[in-house]
C-alpha atoms as a PDB file:
ATOM      1  CA  MET A   1      18.964   7.595  -9.750  1.00  0.00           C
ATOM      2  CA  ASN A   2      18.270   9.145  -5.977  1.00  0.00           C
ATOM      3  CA  LEU A   3      20.464  12.288  -5.232  1.00  0.00           C
ATOM      4  CA  PHE A   4      18.898  13.208  -2.610  1.00  0.00           C
ATOM      5  CA  ASN A   5      19.043  11.295   0.610  1.00  0.00           C
ATOM      6  CA  ASP A   6      17.197  13.321   2.762  1.00  0.00           C
ATOM      7  CA  ARG A   7      13.572  12.807   3.888  1.00  0.00           C
ATOM      8  CA  ALA A   8      12.116  16.549   1.126  1.00  0.00           C
ATOM      9  CA  VAL A   9       9.408  16.329  -0.866  1.00  0.00           C
ATOM     10  CA  ARG A  10      10.858  18.337  -4.340  1.00  0.00           C
ATOM     11  CA  TYR A  11       8.476  18.514  -7.174  1.00  0.00           C
ATOM     12  CA  ILE A  12       9.191  19.679 -11.119  1.00  0.00           C
ATOM     13  CA  PHE A  13       6.854  20.983 -13.163  1.00  0.00           C
ATOM     14  CA  ARG A  14       7.016  20.160 -16.539  1.00  0.00           C
ATOM     15  CA  CYS A  15       5.412  22.046 -19.643  1.00  0.00           C
ATOM     16  CA  ASP A  16       5.564  20.422 -22.793  1.00  0.00           C
ATOM     17  CA  ASP A  17       4.469  20.769 -26.468  1.00  0.00           C
ATOM     18  CA  ILE A  18       5.835  24.745 -26.440  1.00  0.00           C
ATOM     19  CA  GLY A  19       6.164  25.844 -29.304  1.00  0.00           C
ATOM     20  CA  MET A  20       4.038  23.771 -30.814  1.00  0.00           C
ATOM     21  CA  CYS A  21       1.775  26.753 -31.717  1.00  0.00           C
ATOM     22  CA  HIS A  22       1.426  29.783 -30.652  1.00  0.00           C
ATOM     23  CA  ALA A  23      -1.739  29.178 -27.982  1.00  0.00           C
ATOM     24  CA  SER A  24       0.997  26.724 -26.057  1.00  0.00           C
ATOM     25  CA  ASN A  25       3.597  29.678 -26.204  1.00  0.00           C
ATOM     26  CA  MET A  26       1.724  32.946 -24.813  1.00  0.00           C
ATOM     27  CA  ALA A  27       0.547  30.221 -22.383  1.00  0.00           C
ATOM     28  CA  LEU A  28       4.233  29.236 -22.093  1.00  0.00           C
ATOM     29  CA  GLU A  29       5.025  33.700 -21.135  1.00  0.00           C
ATOM     30  CA  ARG A  30       1.497  33.934 -18.553  1.00  0.00           C
ATOM     31  CA  VAL A  31       2.717  30.562 -16.821  1.00  0.00           C
ATOM     32  CA  LEU A  32       6.590  31.659 -16.293  1.00  0.00           C
ATOM     33  CA  LYS A  33       5.465  35.468 -14.830  1.00  0.00           C
ATOM     34  CA  HIS A  34       2.920  33.977 -12.457  1.00  0.00           C
ATOM     35  CA  GLY A  35       2.830  30.772 -11.911  1.00  0.00           C
ATOM     36  CA  VAL A  36       4.457  27.377 -11.334  1.00  0.00           C
ATOM     37  CA  VAL A  37       7.153  26.120 -13.714  1.00  0.00           C
ATOM     38  CA  THR A  38      10.827  24.194 -13.077  1.00  0.00           C
ATOM     39  CA  ALA A  39      11.027  22.472 -16.930  1.00  0.00           C
ATOM     40  CA  VAL A  40       9.625  23.594 -20.527  1.00  0.00           C
ATOM     41  CA  SER A  41       9.934  21.055 -23.064  1.00  0.00           C
ATOM     42  CA  VAL A  42       9.712  22.656 -26.407  1.00  0.00           C
ATOM     43  CA  MET A  43       9.403  21.017 -30.055  1.00  0.00           C
ATOM     44  CA  VAL A  44      11.561  22.068 -32.714  1.00  0.00           C
ATOM     45  CA  ILE A  45       9.530  20.963 -35.692  1.00  0.00           C
ATOM     46  CA  SER A  46       6.899  23.685 -35.529  1.00  0.00           C
ATOM     47  CA  PRO A  47       6.836  26.866 -37.665  1.00  0.00           C
ATOM     48  CA  TRP A  48       6.203  28.741 -33.784  1.00  0.00           C
ATOM     49  CA  LEU A  49      10.276  27.314 -32.728  1.00  0.00           C
ATOM     50  CA  ASP A  50      11.575  31.600 -33.324  1.00  0.00           C
ATOM     51  CA  GLU A  51       8.959  33.108 -30.712  1.00  0.00           C
ATOM     52  CA  ALA A  52       9.260  30.082 -28.460  1.00  0.00           C
ATOM     53  CA  VAL A  53      12.701  31.051 -28.283  1.00  0.00           C
ATOM     54  CA  SER A  54      12.069  34.850 -28.197  1.00  0.00           C
ATOM     55  CA  ILE A  55      10.230  34.484 -24.501  1.00  0.00           C
ATOM     56  CA  LEU A  56      12.897  31.917 -22.526  1.00  0.00           C
ATOM     57  CA  GLN A  57      15.617  34.689 -23.124  1.00  0.00           C
ATOM     58  CA  ASN A  58      14.169  36.015 -21.139  1.00  0.00           C
ATOM     59  CA  TYR A  59      13.659  33.402 -18.343  1.00  0.00           C
ATOM     60  CA  PRO A  60      16.643  31.234 -17.702  1.00  0.00           C
ATOM     61  CA  GLN A  61      16.472  30.442 -15.272  1.00  0.00           C
ATOM     62  CA  VAL A  62      13.683  28.031 -15.979  1.00  0.00           C
ATOM     63  CA  SER A  63      15.637  24.639 -17.717  1.00  0.00           C
ATOM     64  CA  VAL A  64      14.772  24.015 -20.945  1.00  0.00           C
ATOM     65  CA  GLY A  65      14.187  20.007 -22.583  1.00  0.00           C
ATOM     66  CA  LEU A  66      13.732  19.239 -26.259  1.00  0.00           C
ATOM     67  CA  HIS A  67      10.861  17.147 -27.446  1.00  0.00           C
ATOM     68  CA  THR A  68      12.145  15.116 -29.725  1.00  0.00           C
ATOM     69  CA  ALA A  69       9.221  14.295 -31.867  1.00  0.00           C
ATOM     70  CA  LEU A  70       8.484  11.986 -33.849  1.00  0.00           C
ATOM     71  CA  THR A  71       4.965  12.056 -34.036  1.00  0.00           C
ATOM     72  CA  ALA A  72       2.311  14.737 -35.277  1.00  0.00           C
ATOM     73  CA  GLU A  73      -0.498  13.434 -34.135  1.00  0.00           C
ATOM     74  CA  TRP A  74      -3.533  16.473 -34.505  1.00  0.00           C
ATOM     75  CA  ALA A  75      -5.590  16.242 -37.979  1.00  0.00           C
ATOM     76  CA  THR A  76      -5.648  19.581 -39.372  1.00  0.00           C
ATOM     77  CA  TYR A  77      -1.924  20.499 -37.829  1.00  0.00           C
ATOM     78  CA  ARG A  78       0.940  17.956 -39.435  1.00  0.00           C
ATOM     79  CA  TRP A  79       4.391  19.346 -38.457  1.00  0.00           C
ATOM     80  CA  GLY A  80       7.466  17.137 -40.577  1.00  0.00           C
ATOM     81  CA  PRO A  81      11.046  16.344 -39.580  1.00  0.00           C
ATOM     82  CA  VAL A  82      13.831  18.486 -39.364  1.00  0.00           C
ATOM     83  CA  LEU A  83      15.454  16.796 -42.305  1.00  0.00           C
ATOM     84  CA  PRO A  84      14.612  17.162 -45.723  1.00  0.00           C
ATOM     85  CA  PRO A  85      12.220  13.861 -46.228  1.00  0.00           C
ATOM     86  CA  GLY A  86      13.480  11.906 -48.308  1.00  0.00           C
ATOM     87  CA  GLU A  87      16.851  11.620 -45.854  1.00  0.00           C
ATOM     88  CA  VAL A  88      14.687   9.598 -43.888  1.00  0.00           C
ATOM     89  CA  PRO A  89      11.593   7.950 -45.290  1.00  0.00           C
ATOM     90  CA  SER A  90      10.905   5.197 -43.142  1.00  0.00           C
ATOM     91  CA  LEU A  91       9.715   7.844 -40.341  1.00  0.00           C
ATOM     92  CA  VAL A  92       7.045  10.225 -42.881  1.00  0.00           C
ATOM     93  CA  ASP A  93       3.651   9.330 -45.229  1.00  0.00           C
ATOM     94  CA  GLU A  94       3.651   9.803 -48.443  1.00  0.00           C
ATOM     95  CA  TRP A  95       2.727  14.111 -47.959  1.00  0.00           C
ATOM     96  CA  GLY A  96       6.389  14.627 -45.822  1.00  0.00           C
ATOM     97  CA  LYS A  97       4.850  14.417 -43.028  1.00  0.00           C
ATOM     98  CA  PHE A  98       5.338  12.516 -39.511  1.00  0.00           C
ATOM     99  CA  ARG A  99       3.443   9.977 -38.472  1.00  0.00           C
ATOM    100  CA  PRO A 100      -0.028  10.343 -35.838  1.00  0.00           C
ATOM    101  CA  THR A 101       0.299   7.706 -33.656  1.00  0.00           C
ATOM    102  CA  PRO A 102       3.661   5.609 -32.143  1.00  0.00           C
ATOM    103  CA  GLU A 103       1.259   2.385 -33.107  1.00  0.00           C
ATOM    104  CA  ALA A 104       1.272   4.287 -36.542  1.00  0.00           C
ATOM    105  CA  VAL A 105       5.366   5.272 -36.481  1.00  0.00           C
ATOM    106  CA  LEU A 106       6.705   1.816 -35.800  1.00  0.00           C
ATOM    107  CA  ALA A 107       3.953  -0.143 -37.467  1.00  0.00           C
ATOM    108  CA  HIS A 108       6.373   1.448 -41.147  1.00  0.00           C
ATOM    109  CA  ARG A 109       9.401  -0.146 -39.221  1.00  0.00           C
ATOM    110  CA  PRO A 110      11.293   2.841 -38.419  1.00  0.00           C
ATOM    111  CA  ASP A 111      15.199   2.950 -39.294  1.00  0.00           C
ATOM    112  CA  PRO A 112      16.663   3.281 -36.112  1.00  0.00           C
ATOM    113  CA  ASP A 113      19.759   5.144 -38.264  1.00  0.00           C
ATOM    114  CA  GLN A 114      17.471   7.822 -39.257  1.00  0.00           C
ATOM    115  CA  VAL A 115      15.381   7.977 -36.027  1.00  0.00           C
ATOM    116  CA  GLU A 116      19.401   8.821 -34.288  1.00  0.00           C
ATOM    117  CA  ARG A 117      20.149  11.462 -37.377  1.00  0.00           C
ATOM    118  CA  GLU A 118      17.130  13.211 -36.954  1.00  0.00           C
ATOM    119  CA  LEU A 119      16.740  13.238 -32.748  1.00  0.00           C
ATOM    120  CA  GLN A 120      20.439  14.936 -33.749  1.00  0.00           C
ATOM    121  CA  ALA A 121      18.805  17.384 -36.426  1.00  0.00           C
ATOM    122  CA  GLN A 122      16.812  18.788 -33.935  1.00  0.00           C
ATOM    123  CA  LEU A 123      19.231  18.990 -30.314  1.00  0.00           C
ATOM    124  CA  ASP A 124      21.515  20.734 -33.739  1.00  0.00           C
ATOM    125  CA  LEU A 125      18.524  23.284 -34.220  1.00  0.00           C
ATOM    126  CA  ALA A 126      17.981  23.640 -30.874  1.00  0.00           C
ATOM    127  CA  MET A 127      21.288  24.877 -30.506  1.00  0.00           C
ATOM    128  CA  ARG A 128      21.869  26.626 -32.999  1.00  0.00           C
ATOM    129  CA  LYS A 129      18.243  28.564 -32.041  1.00  0.00           C
ATOM    130  CA  GLY A 130      19.568  29.644 -28.654  1.00  0.00           C
ATOM    131  CA  LEU A 131      18.090  27.838 -26.360  1.00  0.00           C
ATOM    132  CA  ARG A 132      19.959  26.822 -23.661  1.00  0.00           C
ATOM    133  CA  LEU A 133      19.162  22.648 -23.024  1.00  0.00           C
ATOM    134  CA  SER A 134      19.663  20.989 -20.338  1.00  0.00           C
ATOM    135  CA  TYR A 135      16.961  17.296 -21.582  1.00  0.00           C
ATOM    136  CA  MET A 136      15.910  16.115 -23.436  1.00  0.00           C
ATOM    137  CA  ASP A 137      12.184  14.188 -23.359  1.00  0.00           C
ATOM    138  CA  SER A 138       9.788  12.278 -25.283  1.00  0.00           C
ATOM    139  CA  HIS A 139       6.583  14.182 -27.595  1.00  0.00           C
ATOM    140  CA  MET A 140       4.149  11.201 -27.184  1.00  0.00           C
ATOM    141  CA  GLY A 141       7.222   8.961 -25.808  1.00  0.00           C
ATOM    142  CA  ALA A 142       7.480   7.528 -29.672  1.00  0.00           C
ATOM    143  CA  VAL A 143      11.487   7.992 -29.204  1.00  0.00           C
ATOM    144  CA  THR A 144      11.172   5.291 -26.091  1.00  0.00           C
ATOM    145  CA  TYR A 145       8.624   3.274 -27.254  1.00  0.00           C
ATOM    146  CA  THR A 146      10.974   0.324 -28.358  1.00  0.00           C
ATOM    147  CA  PRO A 147      13.818  -0.632 -26.474  1.00  0.00           C
ATOM    148  CA  GLU A 148      16.044   0.558 -29.963  1.00  0.00           C
ATOM    149  CA  LEU A 149      14.952   3.473 -30.389  1.00  0.00           C
ATOM    150  CA  ARG A 150      15.145   3.696 -26.595  1.00  0.00           C
ATOM    151  CA  GLN A 151      19.075   3.470 -26.465  1.00  0.00           C
ATOM    152  CA  ARG A 152      19.759   6.297 -29.780  1.00  0.00           C
ATOM    153  CA  PHE A 153      17.148   8.454 -28.135  1.00  0.00           C
ATOM    154  CA  GLN A 154      19.791   7.544 -24.527  1.00  0.00           C
ATOM    155  CA  ARG A 155      22.913   8.105 -26.784  1.00  0.00           C
ATOM    156  CA  VAL A 156      21.492  11.228 -28.601  1.00  0.00           C
ATOM    157  CA  GLY A 157      21.262  12.995 -25.625  1.00  0.00           C
ATOM    158  CA  LEU A 158      24.308  12.119 -23.261  1.00  0.00           C
ATOM    159  CA  ASP A 159      26.508  11.950 -26.727  1.00  0.00           C
ATOM    160  CA  TYR A 160      25.161  15.936 -26.005  1.00  0.00           C
ATOM    161  CA  GLY A 161      25.306  16.237 -22.229  1.00  0.00           C
ATOM    162  CA  LEU A 162      22.198  16.491 -21.683  1.00  0.00           C
ATOM    163  CA  GLY A 163      20.096  14.871 -18.908  1.00  0.00           C
ATOM    164  CA  LEU A 164      17.352  12.785 -19.515  1.00  0.00           C
ATOM    165  CA  SER A 165      14.471  12.727 -18.152  1.00  0.00           C
ATOM    166  CA  GLU A 166      13.237   9.934 -15.973  1.00  0.00           C
ATOM    167  CA  TRP A 167      16.677   9.464 -15.057  1.00  0.00           C
ATOM    168  CA  PHE A 168      17.260  11.865 -12.044  1.00  0.00           C
ATOM    169  CA  GLY A 169      14.731   9.472  -9.292  1.00  0.00           C
ATOM    170  CA  GLU A 170      11.473  11.020 -10.383  1.00  0.00           C
ATOM    171  CA  VAL A 171       8.410   9.304 -10.074  1.00  0.00           C
ATOM    172  CA  PRO A 172       5.082   9.977 -11.664  1.00  0.00           C
ATOM    173  CA  GLY A 173       3.226  13.047  -9.260  1.00  0.00           C
ATOM    174  CA  PRO A 174      -0.138  13.044  -9.444  1.00  0.00           C
ATOM    175  CA  GLU A 175      -1.397  12.925 -13.196  1.00  0.00           C
ATOM    176  CA  ILE A 176      -3.919  15.884 -14.772  1.00  0.00           C
ATOM    177  CA  TRP A 177      -4.361  16.256 -18.004  1.00  0.00           C
ATOM    178  CA  LYS A 178      -7.565  13.620 -18.134  1.00  0.00           C
ATOM    179  CA  VAL A 179      -9.267  15.719 -15.907  1.00  0.00           C
ATOM    180  CA  PRO A 180     -12.297  17.554 -16.663  1.00  0.00           C
ATOM    181  CA  PRO A 181     -11.218  21.531 -16.707  1.00  0.00           C
ATOM    182  CA  GLU A 182     -13.065  21.948 -13.456  1.00  0.00           C
ATOM    183  CA  ARG A 183     -10.954  19.693 -11.994  1.00  0.00           C
ATOM    184  CA  LYS A 184      -7.460  20.265 -12.897  1.00  0.00           C
ATOM    185  CA  LEU A 185      -6.580  22.671  -9.364  1.00  0.00           C
ATOM    186  CA  ASP A 186      -8.517  20.495  -6.794  1.00  0.00           C
ATOM    187  CA  THR A 187      -6.777  16.444  -7.564  1.00  0.00           C
ATOM    188  CA  LEU A 188      -3.373  18.391  -8.005  1.00  0.00           C
ATOM    189  CA  LEU A 189      -3.195  19.489  -5.300  1.00  0.00           C
ATOM    190  CA  ASP A 190      -6.245  16.602  -3.491  1.00  0.00           C
ATOM    191  CA  GLY A 191      -2.181  14.960  -4.976  1.00  0.00           C
ATOM    192  CA  MET A 192       0.125  16.489  -3.950  1.00  0.00           C
ATOM    193  CA  ALA A 193      -1.601  16.656  -0.151  1.00  0.00           C
ATOM    194  CA  LYS A 194      -1.708  13.175  -0.306  1.00  0.00           C
ATOM    195  CA  THR A 195       2.432  12.719  -1.052  1.00  0.00           C
ATOM    196  CA  SER A 196       4.338  11.990   2.583  1.00  0.00           C
ATOM    197  CA  THR A 197       6.893   9.739   1.327  1.00  0.00           C
ATOM    198  CA  PRO A 198       9.834  11.675   0.322  1.00  0.00           C
ATOM    199  CA  GLY A 199      11.265  12.356  -3.245  1.00  0.00           C
ATOM    200  CA  LEU A 200      11.388  14.104  -6.600  1.00  0.00           C
ATOM    201  CA  TYR A 201       8.164  13.644  -8.005  1.00  0.00           C
ATOM    202  CA  LEU A 202       6.577  14.969 -11.809  1.00  0.00           C
ATOM    203  CA  VAL A 203       4.265  17.024 -13.060  1.00  0.00           C
ATOM    204  CA  VAL A 204       3.673  17.431 -16.764  1.00  0.00           C
ATOM    205  CA  CYS A 205       0.815  19.792 -17.902  1.00  0.00           C
ATOM    206  CA  HIS A 206       0.286  21.357 -21.319  1.00  0.00           C
ATOM    207  CA  PRO A 207      -0.772  24.809 -20.710  1.00  0.00           C
ATOM    208  CA  SER A 208      -1.994  26.161 -23.715  1.00  0.00           C
ATOM    209  CA  VAL A 209      -4.656  29.755 -23.897  1.00  0.00           C
ATOM    210  CA  LYS A 210      -7.873  28.794 -24.978  1.00  0.00           C
ATOM    211  CA  SER A 211      -7.932  31.344 -28.749  1.00  0.00           C
ATOM    212  CA  PRO A 212      -9.680  30.581 -31.934  1.00  0.00           C
ATOM    213  CA  GLU A 213      -5.888  28.436 -33.548  1.00  0.00           C
ATOM    214  CA  ALA A 214      -6.334  26.058 -30.307  1.00  0.00           C
ATOM    215  CA  CYS A 215      -9.767  25.685 -30.588  1.00  0.00           C
ATOM    216  CA  ALA A 216      -8.858  25.007 -34.785  1.00  0.00           C
ATOM    217  CA  VAL A 217      -4.962  23.273 -33.715  1.00  0.00           C
ATOM    218  CA  LEU A 218      -6.863  21.349 -31.142  1.00  0.00           C
ATOM    219  CA  ARG A 219      -8.869  19.430 -32.712  1.00  0.00           C
ATOM    220  CA  GLY A 220      -9.297  15.794 -34.308  1.00  0.00           C
ATOM    221  CA  GLY A 221      -6.576  14.550 -32.041  1.00  0.00           C
ATOM    222  CA  ASN A 222      -6.331  11.234 -31.841  1.00  0.00           C
ATOM    223  CA  ALA A 223      -6.179  10.700 -27.994  1.00  0.00           C
ATOM    224  CA  ASP A 224      -9.018  11.568 -28.147  1.00  0.00           C
ATOM    225  CA  ASP A 225     -11.894  13.802 -30.659  1.00  0.00           C
ATOM    226  CA  ALA A 226     -13.891  14.198 -28.208  1.00  0.00           C
ATOM    227  CA  VAL A 227     -11.833  15.858 -25.505  1.00  0.00           C
ATOM    228  CA  ASP A 228     -12.336  19.819 -25.731  1.00  0.00           C
ATOM    229  CA  GLN A 229      -8.469  20.246 -25.471  1.00  0.00           C
ATOM    230  CA  ALA A 230      -8.229  23.720 -26.255  1.00  0.00           C
ATOM    231  CA  THR A 231     -10.621  24.537 -22.956  1.00  0.00           C
ATOM    232  CA  TYR A 232      -8.162  21.452 -21.322  1.00  0.00           C
ATOM    233  CA  ARG A 233      -5.627  23.201 -22.515  1.00  0.00           C
ATOM    234  CA  HIS A 234      -5.832  26.595 -20.592  1.00  0.00           C
ATOM    235  CA  ALA A 235      -7.330  24.599 -17.221  1.00  0.00           C
ATOM    236  CA  GLU A 236      -3.530  22.896 -17.341  1.00  0.00           C
ATOM    237  CA  MET A 237      -2.523  26.771 -17.708  1.00  0.00           C
ATOM    238  CA  GLU A 238      -4.730  28.492 -15.441  1.00  0.00           C
ATOM    239  CA  MET A 239      -4.089  25.678 -12.818  1.00  0.00           C
ATOM    240  CA  LEU A 240      -0.225  26.269 -13.054  1.00  0.00           C
ATOM    241  CA  CYS A 241      -1.521  29.889 -12.502  1.00  0.00           C
ATOM    242  CA  HIS A 242      -3.697  29.870  -9.349  1.00  0.00           C
ATOM    243  CA  PRO A 243      -2.766  31.778  -5.750  1.00  0.00           C
ATOM    244  CA  ARG A 244      -3.467  28.456  -4.701  1.00  0.00           C
ATOM    245  CA  LEU A 245      -1.046  25.957  -5.969  1.00  0.00           C
ATOM    246  CA  ALA A 246       1.867  28.273  -4.710  1.00  0.00           C
ATOM    247  CA  ARG A 247       0.827  29.242  -1.318  1.00  0.00           C
ATOM    248  CA  PHE A 248       0.071  25.577  -1.472  1.00  0.00           C
ATOM    249  CA  ILE A 249       3.792  24.181  -2.248  1.00  0.00           C
ATOM    250  CA  ALA A 250       5.203  27.782  -0.102  1.00  0.00           C
ATOM    251  CA  GLU A 251       2.750  26.349   3.179  1.00  0.00           C
ATOM    252  CA  ARG A 252       4.365  22.139   2.650  1.00  0.00           C
ATOM    253  CA  GLY A 253       7.660  24.145   1.800  1.00  0.00           C
ATOM    254  CA  ILE A 254       8.288  21.927  -1.638  1.00  0.00           C
ATOM    255  CA  GLU A 255      10.763  21.962  -3.191  1.00  0.00           C
ATOM    256  CA  LEU A 256      10.667  23.035  -7.334  1.00  0.00           C
ATOM    257  CA  LEU A 257      13.657  21.883  -9.259  1.00  0.00           C
ATOM    258  CA  GLY A 258      14.497  22.293 -12.522  1.00  0.00           C
ATOM    259  CA  TYR A 259      16.222  19.481 -14.662  1.00  0.00           C
ATOM    260  CA  ALA A 260      19.773  21.528 -14.954  1.00  0.00           C
ATOM    261  CA  THR A 261      19.653  21.966 -11.216  1.00  0.00           C
ATOM    262  CA  LEU A 262      19.584  18.256 -11.428  1.00  0.00           C
ATOM    263  CA  ARG A 263      22.965  17.729 -13.418  1.00  0.00           C
ATOM    264  CA  GLN A 264      24.781  19.598 -11.318  1.00  0.00           C
ATOM    265  CA  ARG A 265      24.140  18.070  -8.600  1.00  0.00           C
ATOM    266  CA  LYS A 266      24.583  14.405 -10.449  1.00  0.00           C
END
């Protein structure tokens, strides 16, 4: 759905995996103070949720979304459902934890009813904790991997009156998560400079500070075991806070939007 009829270029800068660990929360606080971010996607299945909630209470202007999760991708840091594992047996392994990839989730034939109940439980927990949700999206895309799961995801979000990521006509902006740390800022700016078509663009980031915790947690992920995720994510935090990015946005007259504003315009 295209909500705009003018010739403006607009961007959503979204931070995913917030609440996953202390390092991601510390990065969030830094980018909220000094950087560019308009949407924050929070995971509620981690012990660090309360800290993320506390930080976000000080930034009511930022759109907050639920980063719905059915996967736990890190080798040494695993999480499971909000519901008791016995209530969603098709979603968990023998230890009651989520499986590491969307493919592994599908291989074990997730019960759509169990998926829907778990999504509702994650939303309910987020709201009980005080998060002012305006949208929801999907961690690793697991909740939208098949038409039936996507239908359940959409139904839950709409039942709760939330916006759904990619339902507002946004198109992918420059992709930077695979870009080497020293090239992230330049790649982002180069990509934005080539954006001549008016529209709404989405840039997804995964900021984290590089700390001993981050180096331990962000290791052995299924995406690429050879990538130093702590360094990559630290570079994304620095990118979002870099004065060159803020200056570029101001000079180009780019409008920054969050999902709360998009819901109001819909």
